[in-house]
């Protein structure tokens, strides 16, 4: 767990199992298995992409339909898998 970053503990709680209940149906939300050591936040994503501001990632997410989907997205907590960001970045540089 990356305790040195504020609010990160709440991010890890989102990896727990969740269920969604409606009036007549209960649906289990199943997350994919992820090595938590490979999860990175906006600062690391910005560094890999060569961006000066982590806030620019939201522009990339809207502009590029192929931008990797976050492994965790709960409120302000957004985490990606490092390998997916690195692969997308290298593919984009080749284009």
PDB file of N, CA and C in Angstrom:
ATOM      1  N   UNK A   1       0.839  -1.166   0.000  1.00  0.00           N
ATOM      2  CA  UNK A   1       0.000   0.000   0.000  1.00  0.00           C
ATOM      3  C   UNK A   1       0.894   1.242   0.000  1.00  0.00           C
ATOM      4  N   UNK A   2       0.565   2.196  -0.805  1.00  0.00           N
ATOM      5  CA  UNK A   2       1.368   3.399  -0.939  1.00  0.00           C
ATOM      6  C   UNK A   2       0.927   4.423   0.106  1.00  0.00           C
ATOM      7  N   UNK A   3       1.346   4.217   1.345  1.00  0.00           N
ATOM      8  CA  UNK A   3       0.885   5.044   2.453  1.00  0.00           C
ATOM      9  C   UNK A   3       1.410   6.467   2.392  1.00  0.00           C
ATOM     10  N   UNK A   4       2.461   6.701   1.614  1.00  0.00           N
ATOM     11  CA  UNK A   4       3.049   8.028   1.566  1.00  0.00           C
ATOM     12  C   UNK A   4       2.206   9.028   0.786  1.00  0.00           C
ATOM     13  N   UNK A   5       1.187   8.555   0.104  1.00  0.00           N
ATOM     14  CA  UNK A   5       0.355   9.462  -0.673  1.00  0.00           C
ATOM     15  C   UNK A   5      -0.975   9.668   0.030  1.00  0.00           C
ATOM     16  N   UNK A   6      -1.365  10.917   0.308  1.00  0.00           N
ATOM     17  CA  UNK A   6      -2.614  11.198   1.008  1.00  0.00           C
ATOM     18  C   UNK A   6      -3.814  10.605   0.285  1.00  0.00           C
ATOM     19  N   UNK A   7      -4.723  10.039   1.049  1.00  0.00           N
ATOM     20  CA  UNK A   7      -5.957   9.502   0.488  1.00  0.00           C
ATOM     21  C   UNK A   7      -5.818   8.156  -0.176  1.00  0.00           C
ATOM     22  N   UNK A   8      -4.620   7.598  -0.196  1.00  0.00           N
ATOM     23  CA  UNK A   8      -4.412   6.344  -0.896  1.00  0.00           C
ATOM     24  C   UNK A   8      -5.076   5.164  -0.198  1.00  0.00           C
ATOM     25  N   UNK A   9      -5.204   5.230   1.111  1.00  0.00           N
ATOM     26  CA  UNK A   9      -5.847   4.140   1.841  1.00  0.00           C
ATOM     27  C   UNK A   9      -7.272   3.961   1.354  1.00  0.00           C
ATOM     28  N   UNK A  10      -7.986   5.047   1.105  1.00  0.00           N
ATOM     29  CA  UNK A  10      -9.351   4.952   0.600  1.00  0.00           C
ATOM     30  C   UNK A  10      -9.392   4.294  -0.773  1.00  0.00           C
ATOM     31  N   UNK A  11      -8.372   4.524  -1.597  1.00  0.00           N
ATOM     32  CA  UNK A  11      -8.320   3.897  -2.915  1.00  0.00           C
ATOM     33  C   UNK A  11      -8.276   2.385  -2.794  1.00  0.00           C
ATOM     34  N   UNK A  12      -7.517   1.888  -1.843  1.00  0.00           N
ATOM     35  CA  UNK A  12      -7.378   0.435  -1.711  1.00  0.00           C
ATOM     36  C   UNK A  12      -8.663  -0.203  -1.242  1.00  0.00           C
ATOM     37  N   UNK A  13      -9.468   0.537  -0.530  1.00  0.00           N
ATOM     38  CA  UNK A  13     -10.752  -0.012  -0.088  1.00  0.00           C
ATOM     39  C   UNK A  13     -11.668  -0.285  -1.267  1.00  0.00           C
ATOM     40  N   UNK A  14     -11.478   0.419  -2.367  1.00  0.00           N
ATOM     41  CA  UNK A  14     -12.332   0.198  -3.542  1.00  0.00           C
ATOM     42  C   UNK A  14     -12.048  -1.141  -4.199  1.00  0.00           C
ATOM     43  N   UNK A  15     -10.933  -1.767  -3.862  1.00  0.00           N
ATOM     44  CA  UNK A  15     -10.605  -3.062  -4.444  1.00  0.00           C
ATOM     45  C   UNK A  15     -11.369  -4.199  -3.778  1.00  0.00           C
ATOM     46  N   UNK A  16     -12.073  -3.906  -2.695  1.00  0.00           N
ATOM     47  CA  UNK A  16     -12.857  -4.924  -2.019  1.00  0.00           C
ATOM     48  C   UNK A  16     -14.079  -5.273  -2.853  1.00  0.00           C
ATOM     49  N   UNK A  17     -14.695  -6.412  -2.548  1.00  0.00           N
ATOM     50  CA  UNK A  17     -15.896  -6.819  -3.280  1.00  0.00           C
ATOM     51  C   UNK A  17     -17.049  -5.869  -2.999  1.00  0.00           C
ATOM     52  N   UNK A  18     -17.834  -5.612  -4.018  1.00  0.00           N
ATOM     53  CA  UNK A  18     -18.994  -4.743  -3.898  1.00  0.00           C
ATOM     54  C   UNK A  18     -20.190  -5.449  -4.519  1.00  0.00           C
ATOM     55  N   UNK A  19     -21.373  -5.090  -4.052  1.00  0.00           N
ATOM     56  CA  UNK A  19     -22.593  -5.568  -4.700  1.00  0.00           C
ATOM     57  C   UNK A  19     -23.494  -4.378  -4.978  1.00  0.00           C
ATOM     58  N   UNK A  20     -24.301  -4.518  -5.998  1.00  0.00           N
ATOM     59  CA  UNK A  20     -25.246  -3.487  -6.399  1.00  0.00           C
ATOM     60  C   UNK A  20     -26.633  -4.089  -6.291  1.00  0.00           C
ATOM     61  N   UNK A  21     -27.493  -3.493  -5.488  1.00  0.00           N
ATOM     62  CA  UNK A  21     -28.842  -4.026  -5.305  1.00  0.00           C
ATOM     63  C   UNK A  21     -29.875  -3.064  -5.874  1.00  0.00           C
ATOM     64  N   UNK A  22     -30.806  -3.631  -6.608  1.00  0.00           N
ATOM     65  CA  UNK A  22     -31.966  -2.871  -7.060  1.00  0.00           C
ATOM     66  C   UNK A  22     -33.170  -3.463  -6.353  1.00  0.00           C
ATOM     67  N   UNK A  23     -34.340  -2.990  -6.650  1.00  0.00           N
ATOM     68  CA  UNK A  23     -35.529  -3.478  -5.948  1.00  0.00           C
ATOM     69  C   UNK A  23     -35.770  -4.967  -6.168  1.00  0.00           C
ATOM     70  N   UNK A  24     -35.394  -5.496  -7.335  1.00  0.00           N
ATOM     71  CA  UNK A  24     -35.689  -6.903  -7.608  1.00  0.00           C
ATOM     72  C   UNK A  24     -34.453  -7.757  -7.889  1.00  0.00           C
ATOM     73  N   UNK A  25     -33.303  -7.138  -8.053  1.00  0.00           N
ATOM     74  CA  UNK A  25     -32.126  -7.896  -8.474  1.00  0.00           C
ATOM     75  C   UNK A  25     -30.898  -7.469  -7.683  1.00  0.00           C
ATOM     76  N   UNK A  26     -30.063  -8.434  -7.369  1.00  0.00           N
ATOM     77  CA  UNK A  26     -28.756  -8.143  -6.782  1.00  0.00           C
ATOM     78  C   UNK A  26     -27.700  -8.594  -7.778  1.00  0.00           C
ATOM     79  N   UNK A  27     -26.808  -7.691  -8.131  1.00  0.00           N
ATOM     80  CA  UNK A  27     -25.778  -7.978  -9.117  1.00  0.00           C
ATOM     81  C   UNK A  27     -24.430  -7.871  -8.428  1.00  0.00           C
ATOM     82  N   UNK A  28     -23.613  -8.884  -8.570  1.00  0.00           N
ATOM     83  CA  UNK A  28     -22.258  -8.834  -8.019  1.00  0.00           C
ATOM     84  C   UNK A  28     -21.362  -8.136  -9.021  1.00  0.00           C
ATOM     85  N   UNK A  29     -20.613  -7.149  -8.546  1.00  0.00           N
ATOM     86  CA  UNK A  29     -19.660  -6.468  -9.397  1.00  0.00           C
ATOM     87  C   UNK A  29     -18.325  -7.164  -9.197  1.00  0.00           C
ATOM     88  N   UNK A  30     -17.830  -7.784 -10.256  1.00  0.00           N
ATOM     89  CA  UNK A  30     -16.611  -8.567 -10.167  1.00  0.00           C
ATOM     90  C   UNK A  30     -15.474  -7.780 -10.817  1.00  0.00           C
ATOM     91  N   UNK A  31     -14.437  -7.552 -10.057  1.00  0.00           N
ATOM     92  CA  UNK A  31     -13.283  -6.820 -10.578  1.00  0.00           C
ATOM     93  C   UNK A  31     -12.255  -7.804 -11.111  1.00  0.00           C
ATOM     94  N   UNK A  32     -11.462  -7.343 -12.066  1.00  0.00           N
ATOM     95  CA  UNK A  32     -10.401  -8.193 -12.570  1.00  0.00           C
ATOM     96  C   UNK A  32      -9.278  -8.265 -11.534  1.00  0.00           C
ATOM     97  N   UNK A  33      -8.520  -9.324 -11.577  1.00  0.00           N
ATOM     98  CA  UNK A  33      -7.417  -9.518 -10.641  1.00  0.00           C
ATOM     99  C   UNK A  33      -6.247  -8.636 -11.072  1.00  0.00           C
ATOM    100  N   UNK A  34      -5.750  -7.840 -10.142  1.00  0.00           N
ATOM    101  CA  UNK A  34      -4.704  -6.877 -10.440  1.00  0.00           C
ATOM    102  C   UNK A  34      -3.603  -6.987  -9.398  1.00  0.00           C
ATOM    103  N   UNK A  35      -2.357  -6.955  -9.853  1.00  0.00           N
ATOM    104  CA  UNK A  35      -1.218  -6.885  -8.945  1.00  0.00           C
ATOM    105  C   UNK A  35      -1.148  -5.453  -8.433  1.00  0.00           C
ATOM    106  N   UNK A  36      -1.445  -5.245  -7.159  1.00  0.00           N
ATOM    107  CA  UNK A  36      -1.525  -3.888  -6.629  1.00  0.00           C
ATOM    108  C   UNK A  36      -0.198  -3.147  -6.722  1.00  0.00           C
ATOM    109  N   UNK A  37       0.898  -3.861  -6.827  1.00  0.00           N
ATOM    110  CA  UNK A  37       2.206  -3.212  -6.975  1.00  0.00           C
ATOM    111  C   UNK A  37       2.319  -2.516  -8.328  1.00  0.00           C
ATOM    112  N   UNK A  38       1.468  -2.875  -9.280  1.00  0.00           N
ATOM    113  CA  UNK A  38       1.507  -2.290 -10.617  1.00  0.00           C
ATOM    114  C   UNK A  38       0.525  -1.133 -10.795  1.00  0.00           C
ATOM    115  N   UNK A  39      -0.241  -0.811  -9.755  1.00  0.00           N
ATOM    116  CA  UNK A  39      -1.184   0.294  -9.850  1.00  0.00           C
ATOM    117  C   UNK A  39      -0.450   1.619  -9.690  1.00  0.00           C
ATOM    118  N   UNK A  40      -0.799   2.572 -10.548  1.00  0.00           N
ATOM    119  CA  UNK A  40      -0.171   3.894 -10.492  1.00  0.00           C
ATOM    120  C   UNK A  40      -1.247   4.967 -10.542  1.00  0.00           C
ATOM    121  N   UNK A  41      -0.942   6.091  -9.936  1.00  0.00           N
ATOM    122  CA  UNK A  41      -1.866   7.214  -9.903  1.00  0.00           C
ATOM    123  C   UNK A  41      -1.567   8.220 -11.001  1.00  0.00           C
ATOM    124  N   UNK A  42      -2.315   9.309 -11.019  1.00  0.00           N
ATOM    125  CA  UNK A  42      -2.161  10.320 -12.059  1.00  0.00           C
ATOM    126  C   UNK A  42      -0.756  10.899 -12.187  1.00  0.00           C
ATOM    127  N   UNK A  43      -0.045  11.065 -11.091  1.00  0.00           N
ATOM    128  CA  UNK A  43       1.312  11.631 -11.168  1.00  0.00           C
ATOM    129  C   UNK A  43       2.244  10.727 -11.961  1.00  0.00           C
ATOM    130  N   UNK A  44       2.163   9.418 -11.688  1.00  0.00           N
ATOM    131  CA  UNK A  44       3.011   8.468 -12.411  1.00  0.00           C
ATOM    132  C   UNK A  44       2.606   8.363 -13.875  1.00  0.00           C
ATOM    133  N   UNK A  45       1.290   8.405 -14.138  1.00  0.00           N
ATOM    134  CA  UNK A  45       0.808   8.362 -15.523  1.00  0.00           C
ATOM    135  C   UNK A  45       1.330   9.576 -16.290  1.00  0.00           C
ATOM    136  N   UNK A  46       1.230  10.744 -15.670  1.00  0.00           N
ATOM    137  CA  UNK A  46       1.712  11.969 -16.318  1.00  0.00           C
ATOM    138  C   UNK A  46       3.203  11.874 -16.605  1.00  0.00           C
ATOM    139  N   UNK A  47       3.964  11.316 -15.685  1.00  0.00           N
ATOM    140  CA  UNK A  47       5.407  11.166 -15.889  1.00  0.00           C
ATOM    141  C   UNK A  47       5.708  10.251 -17.076  1.00  0.00           C
ATOM    142  N   UNK A  48       5.004   9.130 -17.158  1.00  0.00           N
ATOM    143  CA  UNK A  48       5.212   8.184 -18.265  1.00  0.00           C
ATOM    144  C   UNK A  48       4.864   8.837 -19.603  1.00  0.00           C
ATOM    145  N   UNK A  49       3.809   9.650 -19.619  1.00  0.00           N
ATOM    146  CA  UNK A  49       3.355  10.282 -20.858  1.00  0.00           C
ATOM    147  C   UNK A  49       4.122  11.563 -21.182  1.00  0.00           C
ATOM    148  N   UNK A  50       4.971  11.994 -20.264  1.00  0.00           N
ATOM    149  CA  UNK A  50       5.739  13.208 -20.491  1.00  0.00           C
ATOM    150  C   UNK A  50       4.927  14.486 -20.296  1.00  0.00           C
ATOM    151  N   UNK A  51       3.923  14.410 -19.449  1.00  0.00           N
ATOM    152  CA  UNK A  51       3.075  15.568 -19.169  1.00  0.00           C
ATOM    153  C   UNK A  51       3.587  16.287 -17.929  1.00  0.00           C
ATOM    154  N   UNK A  52       3.496  17.611 -17.936  1.00  0.00           N
ATOM    155  CA  UNK A  52       3.920  18.395 -16.778  1.00  0.00           C
ATOM    156  C   UNK A  52       2.873  18.421 -15.674  1.00  0.00           C
ATOM    157  N   UNK A  53       1.618  18.265 -16.047  1.00  0.00           N
ATOM    158  CA  UNK A  53       0.523  18.406 -15.095  1.00  0.00           C
ATOM    159  C   UNK A  53      -0.350  17.151 -15.102  1.00  0.00           C
ATOM    160  N   UNK A  54      -0.491  16.458 -13.957  1.00  0.00           N
ATOM    161  CA  UNK A  54      -1.352  15.276 -13.902  1.00  0.00           C
ATOM    162  C   UNK A  54      -2.800  15.576 -14.281  1.00  0.00           C
ATOM    163  N   UNK A  55      -3.223  16.819 -14.141  1.00  0.00           N
ATOM    164  CA  UNK A  55      -4.581  17.186 -14.536  1.00  0.00           C
ATOM    165  C   UNK A  55      -4.830  17.038 -16.026  1.00  0.00           C
ATOM    166  N   UNK A  56      -3.752  17.017 -16.811  1.00  0.00           N
ATOM    167  CA  UNK A  56      -3.885  16.863 -18.266  1.00  0.00           C
ATOM    168  C   UNK A  56      -4.386  15.475 -18.658  1.00  0.00           C
ATOM    169  N   UNK A  57      -4.313  14.540 -17.753  1.00  0.00           N
ATOM    170  CA  UNK A  57      -4.764  13.176 -18.053  1.00  0.00           C
ATOM    171  C   UNK A  57      -6.249  13.166 -18.388  1.00  0.00           C
ATOM    172  N   UNK A  58      -7.032  14.012 -17.733  1.00  0.00           N
ATOM    173  CA  UNK A  58      -8.465  14.041 -18.034  1.00  0.00           C
ATOM    174  C   UNK A  58      -8.709  14.456 -19.487  1.00  0.00           C
ATOM    175  N   UNK A  59      -7.856  15.317 -20.028  1.00  0.00           N
ATOM    176  CA  UNK A  59      -7.962  15.708 -21.433  1.00  0.00           C
ATOM    177  C   UNK A  59      -7.658  14.509 -22.320  1.00  0.00           C
ATOM    178  N   UNK A  60      -6.618  13.779 -21.986  1.00  0.00           N
ATOM    179  CA  UNK A  60      -6.258  12.582 -22.753  1.00  0.00           C
ATOM    180  C   UNK A  60      -7.389  11.570 -22.712  1.00  0.00           C
ATOM    181  N   UNK A  61      -8.006  11.384 -21.579  1.00  0.00           N
ATOM    182  CA  UNK A  61      -9.095  10.406 -21.454  1.00  0.00           C
ATOM    183  C   UNK A  61     -10.264  10.763 -22.355  1.00  0.00           C
ATOM    184  N   UNK A  62     -10.547  12.055 -22.499  1.00  0.00           N
ATOM    185  CA  UNK A  62     -11.649  12.486 -23.385  1.00  0.00           C
ATOM    186  C   UNK A  62     -11.241  12.459 -24.847  1.00  0.00           C
ATOM    187  N   UNK A  63     -10.010  12.848 -25.139  1.00  0.00           N
ATOM    188  CA  UNK A  63      -9.550  13.003 -26.515  1.00  0.00           C
ATOM    189  C   UNK A  63      -9.260  11.675 -27.201  1.00  0.00           C
ATOM    190  N   UNK A  64      -8.665  10.716 -26.480  1.00  0.00           N
ATOM    191  CA  UNK A  64      -8.223   9.460 -27.084  1.00  0.00           C
ATOM    192  C   UNK A  64      -9.098   8.299 -26.609  1.00  0.00           C
ATOM    193  N   UNK A  65      -9.864   7.756 -27.525  1.00  0.00           N
ATOM    194  CA  UNK A  65     -10.759   6.648 -27.167  1.00  0.00           C
ATOM    195  C   UNK A  65      -9.984   5.385 -26.799  1.00  0.00           C
ATOM    196  N   UNK A  66      -8.729   5.328 -27.197  1.00  0.00           N
ATOM    197  CA  UNK A  66      -7.915   4.145 -26.900  1.00  0.00           C
ATOM    198  C   UNK A  66      -7.144   4.265 -25.582  1.00  0.00           C
ATOM    199  N   UNK A  67      -7.303   5.395 -24.878  1.00  0.00           N
ATOM    200  CA  UNK A  67      -6.595   5.568 -23.608  1.00  0.00           C
ATOM    201  C   UNK A  67      -7.048   4.486 -22.630  1.00  0.00           C
ATOM    202  N   UNK A  68      -6.116   3.864 -21.929  1.00  0.00           N
ATOM    203  CA  UNK A  68      -6.476   2.756 -21.016  1.00  0.00           C
ATOM    204  C   UNK A  68      -7.520   3.146 -19.975  1.00  0.00           C
ATOM    205  N   UNK A  69      -8.401   2.222 -19.724  1.00  0.00           N
ATOM    206  CA  UNK A  69      -9.433   2.407 -18.709  1.00  0.00           C
ATOM    207  C   UNK A  69      -8.797   2.177 -17.340  1.00  0.00           C
ATOM    208  N   UNK A  70      -9.105   3.012 -16.366  1.00  0.00           N
ATOM    209  CA  UNK A  70      -8.529   2.817 -15.032  1.00  0.00           C
ATOM    210  C   UNK A  70      -8.928   1.467 -14.430  1.00  0.00           C
ATOM    211  N   UNK A  71      -8.011   0.869 -13.696  1.00  0.00           N
ATOM    212  CA  UNK A  71      -8.312  -0.378 -12.990  1.00  0.00           C
ATOM    213  C   UNK A  71      -9.187  -0.086 -11.781  1.00  0.00           C
ATOM    214  N   UNK A  72      -9.028   1.101 -11.203  1.00  0.00           N
ATOM    215  CA  UNK A  72      -9.823   1.540 -10.056  1.00  0.00           C
ATOM    216  C   UNK A  72     -10.279   2.965 -10.337  1.00  0.00           C
ATOM    217  N   UNK A  73     -11.574   3.191 -10.190  1.00  0.00           N
ATOM    218  CA  UNK A  73     -12.103   4.554 -10.328  1.00  0.00           C
ATOM    219  C   UNK A  73     -13.266   4.702  -9.367  1.00  0.00           C
ATOM    220  N   UNK A  74     -12.999   5.363  -8.296  1.00  0.00           N
ATOM    221  CA  UNK A  74     -14.009   5.560  -7.249  1.00  0.00           C
ATOM    222  C   UNK A  74     -13.866   6.982  -6.747  1.00  0.00           C
ATOM    223  N   UNK A  75     -14.760   7.849  -7.161  1.00  0.00           N
ATOM    224  CA  UNK A  75     -14.659   9.249  -6.781  1.00  0.00           C
ATOM    225  C   UNK A  75     -13.401   9.863  -7.358  1.00  0.00           C
ATOM    226  N   UNK A  76     -12.603  10.486  -6.500  1.00  0.00           N
ATOM    227  CA  UNK A  76     -11.357  11.105  -6.947  1.00  0.00           C
ATOM    228  C   UNK A  76     -10.203  10.115  -7.012  1.00  0.00           C
ATOM    229  N   UNK A  77     -10.427   8.907  -6.585  1.00  0.00           N
ATOM    230  CA  UNK A  77      -9.395   7.875  -6.613  1.00  0.00           C
ATOM    231  C   UNK A  77      -9.397   7.191  -7.979  1.00  0.00           C
ATOM    232  N   UNK A  78      -8.342   7.420  -8.748  1.00  0.00           N
ATOM    233  CA  UNK A  78      -8.221   6.816 -10.071  1.00  0.00           C
ATOM    234  C   UNK A  78      -6.831   6.199 -10.174  1.00  0.00           C
ATOM    235  N   UNK A  79      -6.783   4.896 -10.469  1.00  0.00           N
ATOM    236  CA  UNK A  79      -5.518   4.171 -10.581  1.00  0.00           C
ATOM    237  C   UNK A  79      -5.505   3.353 -11.865  1.00  0.00           C
ATOM    238  N   UNK A  80      -4.366   3.346 -12.535  1.00  0.00           N
ATOM    239  CA  UNK A  80      -4.183   2.583 -13.760  1.00  0.00           C
ATOM    240  C   UNK A  80      -3.143   1.505 -13.540  1.00  0.00           C
ATOM    241  N   UNK A  81      -3.092   0.558 -14.471  1.00  0.00           N
ATOM    242  CA  UNK A  81      -2.060  -0.475 -14.456  1.00  0.00           C
ATOM    243  C   UNK A  81      -0.885   0.048 -15.271  1.00  0.00           C
ATOM    244  N   UNK A  82       0.293   0.063 -14.650  1.00  0.00           N
ATOM    245  CA  UNK A  82       1.490   0.634 -15.267  1.00  0.00           C
ATOM    246  C   UNK A  82       1.747   0.076 -16.671  1.00  0.00           C
ATOM    247  N   UNK A  83       1.672  -1.227 -16.842  1.00  0.00           N
ATOM    248  CA  UNK A  83       1.976  -1.849 -18.137  1.00  0.00           C
ATOM    249  C   UNK A  83       1.037  -1.354 -19.234  1.00  0.00           C
ATOM    250  N   UNK A  84      -0.234  -1.127 -18.910  1.00  0.00           N
ATOM    251  CA  UNK A  84      -1.191  -0.654 -19.908  1.00  0.00           C
ATOM    252  C   UNK A  84      -0.868   0.776 -20.338  1.00  0.00           C
ATOM    253  N   UNK A  85      -0.478   1.620 -19.396  1.00  0.00           N
ATOM    254  CA  UNK A  85      -0.116   3.002 -19.718  1.00  0.00           C
ATOM    255  C   UNK A  85       1.162   3.028 -20.547  1.00  0.00           C
ATOM    256  N   UNK A  86       2.146   2.219 -20.157  1.00  0.00           N
ATOM    257  CA  UNK A  86       3.410   2.177 -20.901  1.00  0.00           C
ATOM    258  C   UNK A  86       3.199   1.681 -22.327  1.00  0.00           C
ATOM    259  N   UNK A  87       2.357   0.651 -22.498  1.00  0.00           N
ATOM    260  CA  UNK A  87       2.073   0.117 -23.830  1.00  0.00           C
ATOM    261  C   UNK A  87       1.352   1.159 -24.680  1.00  0.00           C
ATOM    262  N   UNK A  88       0.370   1.847 -24.103  1.00  0.00           N
ATOM    263  CA  UNK A  88      -0.366   2.872 -24.840  1.00  0.00           C
ATOM    264  C   UNK A  88       0.564   4.009 -25.233  1.00  0.00           C
ATOM    265  N   UNK A  89       1.433   4.406 -24.327  1.00  0.00           N
ATOM    266  CA  UNK A  89       2.367   5.495 -24.595  1.00  0.00           C
ATOM    267  C   UNK A  89       3.322   5.137 -25.734  1.00  0.00           C
ATOM    268  N   UNK A  90       3.870   3.922 -25.709  1.00  0.00           N
ATOM    269  CA  UNK A  90       4.810   3.533 -26.770  1.00  0.00           C
ATOM    270  C   UNK A  90       4.099   3.378 -28.110  1.00  0.00           C
ATOM    271  N   UNK A  91       2.864   2.892 -28.093  1.00  0.00           N
ATOM    272  CA  UNK A  91       2.086   2.771 -29.334  1.00  0.00           C
ATOM    273  C   UNK A  91       1.797   4.155 -29.910  1.00  0.00           C
ATOM    274  N   UNK A  92       1.480   5.098 -29.067  1.00  0.00           N
ATOM    275  CA  UNK A  92       1.171   6.464 -29.494  1.00  0.00           C
ATOM    276  C   UNK A  92       2.416   7.134 -30.094  1.00  0.00           C
ATOM    277  N   UNK A  93       3.578   6.874 -29.510  1.00  0.00           N
ATOM    278  CA  UNK A  93       4.821   7.458 -30.013  1.00  0.00           C
ATOM    279  C   UNK A  93       5.189   6.897 -31.391  1.00  0.00           C
ATOM    280  N   UNK A  94       4.840   5.614 -31.631  1.00  0.00           N
ATOM    281  CA  UNK A  94       5.136   4.992 -32.928  1.00  0.00           C
ATOM    282  C   UNK A  94       4.240   5.538 -34.026  1.00  0.00           C
ATOM    283  N   UNK A  95       3.036   5.992 -33.660  1.00  0.00           N
ATOM    284  CA  UNK A  95       2.079   6.488 -34.669  1.00  0.00           C
ATOM    285  C   UNK A  95       2.453   7.843 -35.199  1.00  0.00           C
TER     286      UNK A  95
END
